[in-house]
Amino acid sequence: MATRFLLVKCAKCKNKQPLYEKAAMQVRCLKCNAVLAEPRGGKARILAKIVKELK
């Protein structure tokens, strides 16, 4: 199974930004600093709404 990038939408400020589905570090929104994803050793725990998969 290939890993992918995802376009997510912040629940707090509605900003959209890409992130790696296997993020090794906490990913924060570039606009409001809310946590969008947390690492879990494999796939990250995505806390934001996934808008679409990026190719």
C-alpha atoms as a PDB file:
ATOM      1  CA  MET A   1       0.000   0.000   0.000  1.00  0.00           C
ATOM      2  CA  ALA A   2       1.419   3.363  -1.020  1.00  0.00           C
ATOM      3  CA  THR A   3       1.546   6.270   1.352  1.00  0.00           C
ATOM      4  CA  ARG A   4      -0.075   9.491   0.304  1.00  0.00           C
ATOM      5  CA  PHE A   5      -0.511  13.149   0.939  1.00  0.00           C
ATOM      6  CA  LEU A   6      -3.884  14.436   2.086  1.00  0.00           C
ATOM      7  CA  LEU A   7      -5.534  17.822   1.795  1.00  0.00           C
ATOM      8  CA  VAL A   8      -7.152  18.549   5.160  1.00  0.00           C
ATOM      9  CA  LYS A   9      -9.392  21.328   6.445  1.00  0.00           C
ATOM     10  CA  CYS A  10      -8.845  22.792   9.903  1.00  0.00           C
ATOM     11  CA  ALA A  11     -11.993  22.553  12.035  1.00  0.00           C
ATOM     12  CA  LYS A  12     -11.148  25.786  13.825  1.00  0.00           C
ATOM     13  CA  CYS A  13     -10.336  28.269  11.022  1.00  0.00           C
ATOM     14  CA  LYS A  14     -11.304  26.283   7.856  1.00  0.00           C
ATOM     15  CA  ASN A  15      -7.783  26.665   6.394  1.00  0.00           C
ATOM     16  CA  LYS A  16      -6.875  23.908   3.915  1.00  0.00           C
ATOM     17  CA  GLN A  17      -3.358  22.514   3.815  1.00  0.00           C
ATOM     18  CA  PRO A  18      -1.614  19.322   2.699  1.00  0.00           C
ATOM     19  CA  LEU A  19      -0.054  16.840   5.096  1.00  0.00           C
ATOM     20  CA  TYR A  20       1.666  13.460   4.879  1.00  0.00           C
ATOM     21  CA  GLU A  21      -0.488  10.577   6.102  1.00  0.00           C
ATOM     22  CA  LYS A  22       2.495   9.058   7.984  1.00  0.00           C
ATOM     23  CA  ALA A  23       3.607  12.262   9.699  1.00  0.00           C
ATOM     24  CA  ALA A  24       6.410  11.623  12.204  1.00  0.00           C
ATOM     25  CA  MET A  25       5.826  14.907  14.044  1.00  0.00           C
ATOM     26  CA  GLN A  26       2.755  16.777  15.212  1.00  0.00           C
ATOM     27  CA  VAL A  27       1.286  18.801  12.332  1.00  0.00           C
ATOM     28  CA  ARG A  28      -0.265  22.181  13.141  1.00  0.00           C
ATOM     29  CA  CYS A  29      -2.418  24.548  11.124  1.00  0.00           C
ATOM     30  CA  LEU A  30      -0.320  27.272   9.526  1.00  0.00           C
ATOM     31  CA  LYS A  31      -3.019  29.868  10.221  1.00  0.00           C
ATOM     32  CA  CYS A  32      -4.342  29.232  13.742  1.00  0.00           C
ATOM     33  CA  ASN A  33      -1.807  26.697  15.137  1.00  0.00           C
ATOM     34  CA  ALA A  34      -4.458  24.042  15.902  1.00  0.00           C
ATOM     35  CA  VAL A  35      -3.233  20.417  15.856  1.00  0.00           C
ATOM     36  CA  LEU A  36      -4.194  18.689  12.584  1.00  0.00           C
ATOM     37  CA  ALA A  37      -2.357  15.365  13.007  1.00  0.00           C
ATOM     38  CA  GLU A  38      -0.437  13.464  15.684  1.00  0.00           C
ATOM     39  CA  PRO A  39       2.145  10.710  15.071  1.00  0.00           C
ATOM     40  CA  ARG A  40       1.340   7.117  16.090  1.00  0.00           C
ATOM     41  CA  GLY A  41       4.335   5.176  14.814  1.00  0.00           C
ATOM     42  CA  GLY A  42       2.709   4.268  11.484  1.00  0.00           C
ATOM     43  CA  LYS A  43      -0.106   6.295  10.040  1.00  0.00           C
ATOM     44  CA  ALA A  44      -0.712   9.584  11.812  1.00  0.00           C
ATOM     45  CA  ARG A  45      -3.918  10.246  13.714  1.00  0.00           C
ATOM     46  CA  ILE A  46      -5.670  12.844  11.537  1.00  0.00           C
ATOM     47  CA  LEU A  47      -7.687  15.281  13.643  1.00  0.00           C
ATOM     48  CA  ALA A  48      -8.829  17.514  10.775  1.00  0.00           C
ATOM     49  CA  LYS A  49     -11.392  16.763   8.070  1.00  0.00           C
ATOM     50  CA  ILE A  50      -9.855  15.084   5.024  1.00  0.00           C
ATOM     51  CA  VAL A  51     -10.923  17.000   1.917  1.00  0.00           C
ATOM     52  CA  LYS A  52      -9.180  14.801  -0.683  1.00  0.00           C
ATOM     53  CA  GLU A  53      -6.154  12.657  -1.461  1.00  0.00           C
ATOM     54  CA  LEU A  54      -3.375  14.375  -3.399  1.00  0.00           C
ATOM     55  CA  LYS A  55      -1.414  12.600  -6.119  1.00  0.00           C
END
